[in-house]
Protein backbone atom coordinates (compact mmCIF):
# COMPACT_ATOMS: atom_id res chain seq x y z
CA MET A 1 0.49 -34.80 13.34
CA LEU A 2 0.02 -31.08 12.70
CA THR A 3 2.11 -28.66 14.74
CA LEU A 4 0.90 -25.05 15.06
CA HIS A 5 2.23 -21.88 16.60
CA ASN A 6 -0.47 -20.78 19.02
CA SER A 7 -0.45 -16.99 19.45
CA LEU A 8 -2.06 -17.33 22.86
CA SER A 9 0.69 -19.52 24.26
CA ARG A 10 3.50 -18.22 22.03
CA LYS A 11 4.87 -21.71 21.41
CA LEU A 12 4.64 -24.61 19.00
CA GLU A 13 2.11 -27.24 20.01
CA LYS A 14 0.89 -30.54 18.66
CA PHE A 15 -2.56 -29.82 17.27
CA THR A 16 -5.34 -31.66 19.06
CA PRO A 17 -8.87 -30.95 17.76
CA LEU A 18 -11.96 -30.87 19.93
CA GLY A 19 -13.51 -33.73 18.00
CA PRO A 20 -11.87 -36.89 16.68
CA LYS A 21 -11.69 -35.65 13.08
CA LEU A 22 -13.81 -32.53 12.48
CA VAL A 23 -11.86 -29.28 12.92
CA LEU A 24 -13.85 -26.08 13.57
CA ILE A 25 -12.21 -23.00 12.07
CA TYR A 26 -13.19 -19.33 11.98
CA THR A 27 -11.17 -16.72 10.11
CA CYS A 28 -11.79 -13.00 9.86
CA GLY A 29 -12.87 -12.06 6.35
CA PRO A 30 -13.08 -8.78 4.43
CA THR A 31 -14.72 -5.50 5.30
CA VAL A 32 -16.50 -4.93 2.00
CA TYR A 33 -16.21 -1.18 1.56
CA ASP A 34 -13.44 -1.10 -1.07
CA THR A 35 -11.33 -3.31 -3.33
CA PRO A 36 -9.14 -5.67 -1.24
CA HIS A 37 -5.39 -5.10 -1.62
CA ILE A 38 -2.68 -7.75 -1.64
CA GLY A 39 -2.18 -7.49 2.12
CA ASN A 40 -5.75 -8.69 2.58
CA TRP A 41 -5.31 -11.51 0.09
CA TYR A 42 -2.08 -12.68 1.73
CA ALA A 43 -3.98 -13.36 4.97
CA PHE A 44 -6.95 -14.98 3.25
CA LEU A 45 -4.70 -17.24 1.16
CA ARG A 46 -2.78 -18.33 4.24
CA TRP A 47 -5.99 -19.61 5.84
CA ASP A 48 -6.83 -21.40 2.60
CA LEU A 49 -3.47 -23.17 2.98
CA LEU A 50 -4.34 -24.03 6.59
CA ILE A 51 -7.52 -25.73 5.40
CA ARG A 52 -5.62 -27.62 2.70
CA ALA A 53 -2.98 -28.80 5.18
CA LEU A 54 -5.63 -30.02 7.62
CA GLN A 55 -7.52 -31.90 4.92
CA ALA A 56 -4.33 -33.44 3.52
CA SER A 57 -3.54 -34.59 7.07
CA GLY A 58 -6.78 -36.54 7.22
CA TYR A 59 -9.05 -34.09 9.04
CA HIS A 60 -12.48 -32.94 8.01
CA THR A 61 -12.97 -29.21 8.36
CA LYS A 62 -15.79 -26.75 8.89
CA TRP A 63 -14.53 -23.33 7.87
CA VAL A 64 -16.48 -20.12 8.49
CA MET A 65 -15.20 -16.81 7.12
CA ASN A 66 -17.30 -13.75 7.87
CA ILE A 67 -18.05 -10.81 5.61
CA THR A 68 -18.13 -7.51 7.52
CA ASP A 69 -20.70 -5.29 5.87
CA VAL A 70 -21.54 -3.02 8.81
CA GLY A 71 -20.05 -1.81 12.09
CA HIS A 72 -16.35 -1.59 11.28
CA LEU A 73 -15.48 1.98 12.21
CA THR A 74 -12.44 3.86 10.96
CA SER A 75 -11.12 4.15 14.53
CA ASP A 76 -10.34 1.52 17.16
CA ALA A 77 -11.78 4.01 19.64
CA ASP A 78 -15.36 3.10 18.67
CA GLU A 79 -15.53 6.49 17.00
CA GLY A 80 -15.28 7.75 13.46
CA GLN A 81 -17.24 6.77 10.42
CA ASP A 82 -18.51 3.32 9.56
CA LYS A 83 -16.30 2.12 6.70
CA LEU A 84 -19.36 1.13 4.67
CA GLU A 85 -20.78 4.65 4.96
CA LYS A 86 -17.38 6.04 4.03
CA GLY A 87 -17.36 3.85 0.91
CA ALA A 88 -20.90 4.95 0.08
CA GLU A 89 -19.92 8.62 0.22
CA ARG A 90 -16.86 7.98 -1.95
CA GLU A 91 -18.84 6.21 -4.65
CA HIS A 92 -22.12 8.15 -4.34
CA LYS A 93 -24.05 4.97 -3.62
CA THR A 94 -25.90 3.53 -0.65
CA ALA A 95 -23.99 1.51 1.91
CA TRP A 96 -26.03 -1.52 0.84
CA GLU A 97 -24.96 -1.09 -2.79
CA VAL A 98 -21.30 -0.76 -1.81
CA ALA A 99 -21.51 -3.85 0.42
CA ASN A 100 -23.11 -5.92 -2.33
CA GLU A 101 -20.61 -4.76 -4.95
CA TYR A 102 -17.51 -5.58 -2.94
CA SER A 103 -18.97 -8.77 -1.49
CA ASP A 104 -19.46 -10.01 -5.05
CA TYR A 105 -15.94 -8.91 -5.94
CA PHE A 106 -14.52 -10.83 -2.98
CA LEU A 107 -16.41 -14.01 -3.86
CA LYS A 108 -15.17 -13.84 -7.44
CA GLY A 109 -11.66 -13.27 -6.08
CA LEU A 110 -11.89 -16.55 -4.18
CA GLU A 111 -12.57 -18.32 -7.46
CA ARG A 112 -9.85 -16.44 -9.34
CA LEU A 113 -7.27 -17.44 -6.72
CA ASN A 114 -8.40 -21.08 -6.61
CA PHE A 115 -9.49 -21.03 -2.96
CA SER A 116 -10.85 -23.97 -1.11
CA GLU A 117 -14.50 -23.09 -0.70
CA PRO A 118 -15.38 -21.96 2.84
CA ASP A 119 -18.30 -23.89 4.26
CA LEU A 120 -20.02 -20.64 5.25
CA LEU A 121 -19.52 -16.98 4.33
CA PRO A 122 -22.05 -15.23 6.59
CA LYS A 123 -22.62 -11.48 6.49
CA ALA A 124 -22.94 -9.31 9.57
CA THR A 125 -26.17 -7.76 8.29
CA ASP A 126 -27.78 -11.19 7.96
CA ASN A 127 -27.25 -11.87 11.66
CA ILE A 128 -28.49 -8.73 13.43
CA PRO A 129 -31.11 -10.49 15.65
CA GLU A 130 -28.46 -12.92 16.89
CA GLN A 131 -26.09 -10.05 17.69
CA ILE A 132 -28.78 -8.23 19.67
CA LYS A 133 -29.49 -11.43 21.60
CA PHE A 134 -25.77 -11.82 22.35
CA VAL A 135 -25.65 -8.32 23.85
CA GLN A 136 -28.76 -9.05 25.89
CA SER A 137 -27.07 -12.15 27.32
CA LEU A 138 -24.06 -10.09 28.35
CA GLU A 139 -26.40 -7.48 29.84
CA GLN A 140 -28.11 -10.14 31.94
CA GLN A 141 -24.73 -11.01 33.43
CA GLY A 142 -24.11 -7.38 34.39
CA LEU A 143 -21.26 -6.92 31.90
CA THR A 144 -22.62 -3.94 29.96
CA TYR A 145 -23.58 -0.32 30.46
CA VAL A 146 -25.18 2.36 28.31
CA ILE A 147 -23.74 5.81 27.57
CA ASP A 148 -24.68 8.51 25.08
CA ASP A 149 -23.30 6.80 21.97
CA GLY A 150 -24.04 3.14 22.65
CA VAL A 151 -23.92 -0.02 24.75
CA TYR A 152 -20.45 -0.88 26.06
CA PHE A 153 -18.74 -3.96 27.45
CA ASP A 154 -17.32 -3.36 30.93
CA THR A 155 -13.80 -4.87 30.86
CA GLY A 156 -13.39 -4.09 34.55
CA LYS A 157 -15.86 -6.87 35.37
CA ILE A 158 -13.64 -9.66 34.04
CA ASP A 159 -10.25 -11.16 34.77
CA ASN A 160 -7.42 -11.48 32.24
CA TYR A 161 -8.69 -8.92 29.74
CA GLY A 162 -6.03 -8.52 27.08
CA LYS A 163 -4.41 -11.93 27.62
CA LEU A 164 -4.04 -12.59 23.89
CA ALA A 165 -2.16 -9.34 23.32
CA GLN A 166 -0.52 -9.54 26.75
CA LEU A 167 -1.82 -6.05 27.49
CA ASP A 168 -0.87 -4.31 30.72
CA VAL A 169 -4.41 -3.02 31.24
CA LYS A 170 -3.74 -1.36 34.60
CA ASN A 171 -0.97 0.76 33.15
CA LEU A 172 -2.60 1.73 29.86
CA ILE A 173 -1.65 5.30 29.07
CA GLU A 174 -4.74 7.41 28.65
CA GLY A 175 -5.38 7.94 24.96
CA ALA A 176 -2.45 5.75 23.80
CA ARG A 177 -4.54 2.77 22.65
CA VAL A 178 -7.84 4.45 21.91
CA LYS A 179 -9.18 7.97 22.04
CA VAL A 180 -10.48 9.03 25.44
CA ASN A 181 -14.24 8.85 26.00
CA SER A 182 -15.04 10.49 29.33
CA GLN A 183 -18.21 8.44 29.77
CA LYS A 184 -16.46 5.07 29.52
CA HIS A 185 -15.85 3.29 32.81
CA HIS A 186 -12.43 2.03 31.68
CA LEU A 187 -10.09 2.92 28.84
CA SER A 188 -10.32 -0.61 27.43
CA ASP A 189 -14.14 -0.80 27.36
CA PHE A 190 -15.55 -1.28 23.85
CA ALA A 191 -18.84 -0.77 22.01
CA LEU A 192 -21.24 -3.63 21.52
CA TRP A 193 -24.03 -1.58 19.98
CA LYS A 194 -23.67 1.94 18.58
CA PHE A 195 -26.57 4.37 18.46
CA SER A 196 -27.51 6.08 15.22
CA PRO A 197 -26.88 9.83 15.06
CA LYS A 198 -29.91 11.90 16.02
CA ASP A 199 -29.44 14.35 13.19
CA HIS A 200 -29.60 11.97 10.21
CA LYS A 201 -30.74 8.48 9.18
CA ARG A 202 -28.10 5.88 8.43
CA ASP A 203 -28.38 3.53 5.43
CA MET A 204 -27.82 0.62 7.80
CA GLU A 205 -29.58 0.78 11.17
CA TRP A 206 -31.87 -1.47 13.18
CA ASP A 207 -34.19 -1.23 16.15
CA SER A 208 -32.87 -2.69 19.40
CA PRO A 209 -33.91 -2.76 23.08
CA TRP A 210 -31.46 0.13 23.68
CA GLY A 211 -32.34 2.26 20.67
CA LYS A 212 -31.91 2.41 16.92
CA GLY A 213 -28.37 1.69 15.83
CA PHE A 214 -25.93 -0.90 14.54
CA PRO A 215 -23.59 -3.55 15.99
CA GLY A 216 -19.96 -3.02 16.90
CA TRP A 217 -17.39 -4.73 14.73
CA HIS A 218 -16.20 -7.24 17.35
CA LEU A 219 -19.73 -8.45 18.09
CA GLU A 220 -20.37 -10.13 14.72
CA CYS A 221 -17.46 -12.57 15.02
CA SER A 222 -18.41 -13.81 18.50
CA THR A 223 -22.02 -14.14 17.42
CA MET A 224 -21.26 -16.02 14.20
CA ILE A 225 -18.89 -18.40 15.97
CA ASP A 226 -21.65 -19.15 18.45
CA LYS A 227 -24.27 -19.61 15.75
CA PHE A 228 -22.35 -21.66 13.21
CA LEU A 229 -19.61 -23.44 15.17
CA GLY A 230 -20.38 -23.40 18.89
CA SER A 231 -19.06 -21.69 22.00
CA THR A 232 -15.52 -23.11 21.63
CA ILE A 233 -13.73 -23.73 18.33
CA ASP A 234 -10.45 -25.33 17.36
CA ILE A 235 -8.75 -22.55 15.39
CA HIS A 236 -9.33 -18.81 15.03
CA GLY A 237 -7.29 -17.00 12.38
CA GLY A 238 -6.83 -13.40 11.35
CA GLY A 239 -4.32 -10.65 10.76
CA ILE A 240 -1.69 -9.81 13.35
CA ASP A 241 -3.25 -6.35 13.56
CA HIS A 242 -6.37 -7.99 15.04
CA ILE A 243 -4.56 -9.06 18.21
CA PRO A 244 -4.57 -5.89 20.37
CA VAL A 245 -8.20 -4.86 19.83
CA HIS A 246 -10.46 -7.02 17.66
CA HIS A 247 -9.49 -10.50 18.83
CA THR A 248 -8.87 -9.29 22.37
CA ASN A 249 -12.44 -8.01 22.50
CA GLU A 250 -13.85 -11.15 20.91
CA ILE A 251 -12.24 -13.19 23.68
CA ALA A 252 -13.54 -10.85 26.37
CA GLN A 253 -17.18 -10.97 25.32
CA SER A 254 -17.33 -14.65 24.29
CA GLU A 255 -15.46 -16.12 27.24
CA SER A 256 -17.38 -13.92 29.69
CA LEU A 257 -20.62 -15.29 28.29
CA HIS A 258 -19.70 -18.98 28.10
CA HIS A 259 -16.96 -19.29 30.75
CA GLN A 260 -14.81 -21.42 28.45
CA PRO A 261 -12.14 -20.71 25.80
CA LEU A 262 -13.32 -19.10 22.58
CA ALA A 263 -10.62 -20.90 20.57
CA ASN A 264 -7.96 -23.43 21.47
CA TYR A 265 -5.52 -22.15 18.82
CA TRP A 266 -5.03 -18.60 17.57
CA LEU A 267 -3.09 -18.09 14.33
CA HIS A 268 -2.17 -14.65 13.01
CA SER A 269 -0.87 -13.65 9.60
CA ASN A 270 1.94 -11.12 9.78
CA PHE A 271 2.15 -7.82 7.88
CA ILE A 272 3.03 -7.41 4.22
CA LYS A 273 5.37 -4.66 3.06
CA VAL A 274 5.51 -3.31 -0.47
CA ASP A 275 9.02 -2.30 -1.52
CA GLY A 276 9.97 -2.22 2.15
CA GLN A 277 7.11 0.07 3.20
CA LYS A 278 3.88 -0.64 5.01
CA ILE A 279 0.75 -0.80 2.88
CA SER A 280 -1.19 2.44 3.12
CA LYS A 281 -3.37 4.63 0.96
CA SER A 282 -1.17 7.68 1.63
CA LEU A 283 1.85 5.88 0.12
CA GLY A 284 -0.16 4.83 -2.92
CA ASN A 285 0.88 1.18 -2.65
CA LEU A 286 -2.52 -0.50 -2.32
CA ILE A 287 -1.79 -3.07 -5.02
CA THR A 288 -4.80 -5.08 -6.21
CA LEU A 289 -5.23 -8.29 -8.16
CA GLU A 290 -5.97 -6.21 -11.24
CA ASP A 291 -2.66 -4.35 -10.84
CA ILE A 292 -0.86 -7.70 -10.83
CA GLU A 293 -2.62 -8.86 -13.98
CA LYS A 294 -1.95 -5.54 -15.74
CA LYS A 295 1.76 -6.17 -15.20
CA GLY A 296 1.37 -9.43 -17.13
CA PHE A 297 1.41 -11.85 -14.19
CA SER A 298 -1.16 -14.55 -13.55
CA LEU A 299 -2.85 -14.84 -10.18
CA GLU A 300 -1.26 -18.28 -9.85
CA VAL A 301 2.10 -16.49 -9.69
CA PHE A 302 0.72 -14.33 -6.88
CA ARG A 303 -0.49 -17.43 -5.00
CA LEU A 304 3.00 -18.90 -5.34
CA LEU A 305 4.53 -15.67 -4.03
CA VAL A 306 2.34 -15.91 -0.92
CA LEU A 307 3.64 -19.45 -0.40
CA GLU A 308 7.23 -18.20 -0.45
CA SER A 309 6.85 -16.50 2.95
CA HIS A 310 5.81 -18.01 6.26
CA TYR A 311 2.52 -16.75 7.67
CA ARG A 312 4.23 -15.57 10.86
CA SER A 313 6.98 -13.69 9.02
CA GLU A 314 6.75 -10.18 7.61
CA ALA A 315 6.48 -10.73 3.86
CA GLN A 316 8.12 -8.44 1.33
CA PHE A 317 6.30 -7.74 -1.95
CA SER A 318 7.90 -6.12 -4.96
CA TRP A 319 7.67 -6.61 -8.70
CA ASP A 320 11.11 -8.24 -8.51
CA THR A 321 9.84 -10.84 -6.02
CA LEU A 322 6.89 -11.49 -8.32
CA HIS A 323 9.31 -12.00 -11.25
CA ALA A 324 11.23 -14.52 -9.13
CA ALA A 325 7.96 -16.31 -8.31
CA GLN A 326 7.20 -16.39 -12.06
CA ASN A 327 10.54 -18.11 -12.71
CA ARG A 328 9.78 -20.69 -10.04
CA LEU A 329 6.32 -21.31 -11.46
CA ASP A 330 7.84 -21.70 -14.94
CA SER A 331 9.97 -24.51 -13.53
CA TYR A 332 6.96 -26.23 -11.98
CA GLN A 333 4.96 -25.89 -15.18
CA ALA A 334 7.80 -27.30 -17.25
CA MET A 335 7.80 -30.30 -14.91
CA ALA A 336 4.05 -30.68 -15.43
CA ASP A 337 4.49 -30.54 -19.21
CA LEU A 338 6.82 -33.55 -19.06
CA ARG A 339 3.90 -35.94 -18.66
CA TRP A 340 2.87 -35.28 -22.27
CA GLN A 341 6.29 -36.30 -23.65
CA PRO A 342 7.71 -39.41 -21.94
CA ILE A 343 10.81 -40.07 -24.02
CA ALA A 344 13.52 -41.07 -21.54
CA SER A 345 14.94 -44.57 -21.80
CA LYS A 346 15.34 -44.81 -18.00
CA ASP A 347 12.77 -43.85 -15.37
CA PHE A 348 13.32 -42.10 -12.06
CA GLY A 349 11.43 -44.65 -10.01
CA ASN A 350 7.97 -43.72 -8.80
CA HIS A 351 9.07 -43.53 -5.19
CA ILE A 352 10.50 -40.10 -6.02
CA PHE A 353 6.96 -38.70 -6.24
CA THR A 354 5.65 -40.30 -3.06
CA ASP A 355 8.78 -39.34 -1.13
CA THR A 356 8.59 -35.75 -2.35
CA TYR A 357 4.92 -35.41 -1.47
CA GLN A 358 5.47 -36.83 2.00
CA ALA A 359 8.31 -34.38 2.60
CA MET A 360 6.09 -31.51 1.41
CA LEU A 361 3.22 -32.60 3.63
CA GLN A 362 5.52 -32.88 6.63
CA ALA A 363 6.73 -29.33 6.00
CA MET A 364 3.13 -28.09 5.84
CA GLN A 365 2.35 -29.95 9.04
CA ASP A 366 5.22 -28.10 10.73
CA ASP A 367 3.30 -24.87 11.42
CA LEU A 368 2.49 -24.40 7.72
CA ASP A 369 6.12 -24.10 6.64
CA THR A 370 5.33 -23.14 3.06
CA PRO A 371 8.87 -21.92 2.19
CA LYS A 372 10.31 -25.35 3.04
CA THR A 373 7.46 -27.00 1.15
CA LEU A 374 8.40 -25.09 -2.00
CA THR A 375 12.08 -25.94 -1.56
CA VAL A 376 11.20 -29.63 -1.62
CA LEU A 377 9.01 -29.18 -4.71
CA SER A 378 11.68 -27.11 -6.49
CA ASN A 379 14.30 -29.79 -5.88
CA LEU A 380 12.11 -32.33 -7.66
CA ALA A 381 11.28 -29.95 -10.52
CA ASN A 382 14.95 -29.20 -11.09
CA GLN A 383 15.80 -32.89 -11.10
CA LEU A 384 13.06 -33.84 -13.56
CA ASN A 385 13.57 -30.83 -15.82
CA ALA A 386 17.26 -31.65 -16.19
CA ASP A 387 16.19 -34.80 -18.03
CA ALA A 388 13.05 -36.37 -19.48
CA ILE A 389 10.71 -38.93 -17.94
CA SER A 390 9.73 -42.39 -19.14
CA THR A 391 6.29 -43.77 -19.78
CA ASN A 392 6.56 -45.56 -16.42
CA ASN A 393 6.60 -42.17 -14.64
CA VAL A 394 3.60 -40.55 -16.34
CA LYS A 395 0.78 -41.86 -14.17
CA GLU A 396 2.62 -41.17 -10.92
CA LEU A 397 3.53 -37.66 -12.07
CA GLU A 398 -0.13 -37.02 -12.90
CA LEU A 399 -1.22 -38.19 -9.44
CA PHE A 400 1.53 -36.11 -7.85
CA LEU A 401 0.40 -32.96 -9.67
CA GLU A 402 -3.19 -33.52 -8.54
CA LYS A 403 -1.99 -33.76 -4.93
CA ILE A 404 -0.06 -30.51 -5.37
CA ASN A 405 -3.27 -28.79 -6.42
CA GLN A 406 -5.03 -30.17 -3.34
CA LEU A 407 -2.21 -29.21 -0.96
CA LEU A 408 -1.08 -25.86 -2.37
CA GLY A 409 -3.75 -24.78 -4.83
CA LEU A 410 -1.28 -24.68 -7.75
CA GLN A 411 -3.16 -25.95 -10.78
CA LEU A 412 -0.28 -27.73 -12.47
CA SER A 413 -2.40 -30.81 -13.21
CA LYS A 414 -4.69 -28.77 -15.49
CA ARG A 415 -2.05 -28.00 -18.08
CA GLY A 416 -3.02 -29.58 -21.39
CA ASP A 417 -1.10 -31.11 -24.29
CA ILE A 418 0.09 -29.14 -27.32
CA SER A 419 -1.66 -29.11 -30.70
CA ASN A 420 -1.04 -31.62 -33.49
CA GLU A 421 0.37 -28.81 -35.62
CA GLN A 422 2.96 -28.06 -32.94
CA LYS A 423 3.81 -31.74 -32.67
CA ASP A 424 4.39 -31.77 -36.47
CA LEU A 425 6.72 -28.78 -36.13
CA LEU A 426 8.67 -30.57 -33.40
CA ALA A 427 8.99 -33.65 -35.63
CA LYS A 428 10.28 -31.49 -38.51
CA ARG A 429 12.75 -29.83 -36.17
CA GLN A 430 14.05 -33.21 -35.01
CA THR A 431 14.50 -34.28 -38.65
CA ALA A 432 16.39 -31.05 -39.34
CA ARG A 433 18.66 -31.73 -36.34
CA ASP A 434 19.23 -35.32 -37.46
CA ASN A 435 20.30 -33.90 -40.84
CA GLN A 436 22.44 -31.28 -39.11
CA ASP A 437 20.35 -28.54 -40.73
CA TRP A 438 20.87 -26.13 -37.87
CA ALA A 439 19.39 -23.14 -39.67
CA ALA A 440 16.09 -24.95 -40.23
CA SER A 441 16.17 -26.23 -36.65
CA ASP A 442 16.63 -22.71 -35.28
CA GLN A 443 13.92 -21.32 -37.54
CA ILE A 444 11.39 -23.86 -36.26
CA ARG A 445 12.50 -23.20 -32.66
CA ASP A 446 11.73 -19.49 -33.19
CA GLN A 447 8.38 -20.35 -34.78
CA LEU A 448 7.43 -22.50 -31.79
CA LYS A 449 8.56 -19.79 -29.37
CA SER A 450 6.26 -17.30 -31.09
CA GLN A 451 3.45 -19.78 -30.35
CA GLY A 452 4.35 -19.88 -26.65
CA LEU A 453 6.42 -23.07 -26.73
CA GLY A 454 9.99 -23.40 -25.52
CA VAL A 455 12.21 -26.28 -26.66
CA ARG A 456 15.39 -27.81 -25.28
CA ASP A 457 17.39 -30.76 -26.49
CA THR A 458 18.37 -33.80 -24.41
CA ALA A 459 20.17 -37.06 -25.12
CA ASP A 460 16.76 -38.71 -25.51
CA GLY A 461 15.29 -36.06 -27.81
CA GLN A 462 13.42 -32.75 -27.66
CA ILE A 463 11.56 -31.55 -24.58
CA TRP A 464 9.05 -28.72 -24.88
CA HIS A 465 7.42 -26.55 -22.26
CA LYS A 466 4.73 -23.96 -22.53
CA ILE A 467 5.82 -20.39 -21.95
CA LYS A 468 3.18 -18.86 -19.61
């Protein structure tokens, strides 16, 4: 049984889906105005792990992750520039071109990081009619009003606004949460539909019953949940920074419309710090996937680094932590390479693989405890790497590695055998060792190392492992 930490209740709960087996999940995706940094990918990867844990626990899933390509302003105050227009100005392109470019980049990133494939990746701009209809439904219930810059949701008309963030709405300090707009009825009111400026034409704007404009950022998520999953879903995920405004406003508009919970479980990925500092453009620490690869690390190492921190903890990224993750991955890969060289006279007993996997799955079922999951896997890798395996262990090790890919997305099962030429070199090295020709043995070891192959000697013979 899966146990999750529900942000709404602030406690661990046994997960109970709406349906008998199908779990409905919505997670906030990228705003496609620039290259995503590692903080973005941390959150996205954590929801990939959620999907994997659910599926490994016997559930079927329907996962929707949105792509925000309009309406996300630079300010929580419903003011400032649309991030897509900001990106267009920066790159001297249209907002549509920027959105397409970074949407494509994001989709390729999902492949590069070995994501489970979301069932749907809808774009905000592909669902404008549905968003207009959603606002009309709120208007019919008397929950909206129009001012100079757009259509706003009236938070004073509902009870429990801000329950997710536990906001003290009555005692909000003017201007502390959002910039003051003198026309708003309440400080916490938010834009559903923003009007286009009268002095210039936007790249992205649409006709509406209230005037030409574009949707507010919060509107797309409520609308897409309605359209693709229904009025109530099992799990809603996103960054911890979404709690005070974005997810709070989603709840307000969706639950006011349907009079039932938007989501039964809310999961939030905590912040990522780089060298102990928050990620920000001003600090110059917006590290990308390309930056990681330029330093000589694979993206599988980055995935493993994400696994080393719990989604509710504040993760610390540095090049040293990435080096440590590389060392851990080296150990896992050496374990995977053992299946090509079963030379031990005694086997470990195949129960070791089933017991280890069950312990890993139980850790994942305990609120996605990925650090504990890796501890269990590392214990097995250390045990196997200290020796060799027998032919009796090969099949079970192969099955175990395939399950690891399914559960964690680490592609250990895809590591291939070495070449016949390298096998000949290993045979010559063994002959040299049998003849106590240590110079020849060392020379062949160095030759193999130059080919990306490490070698160690055991009582049962040589064991090789690929180096990266």
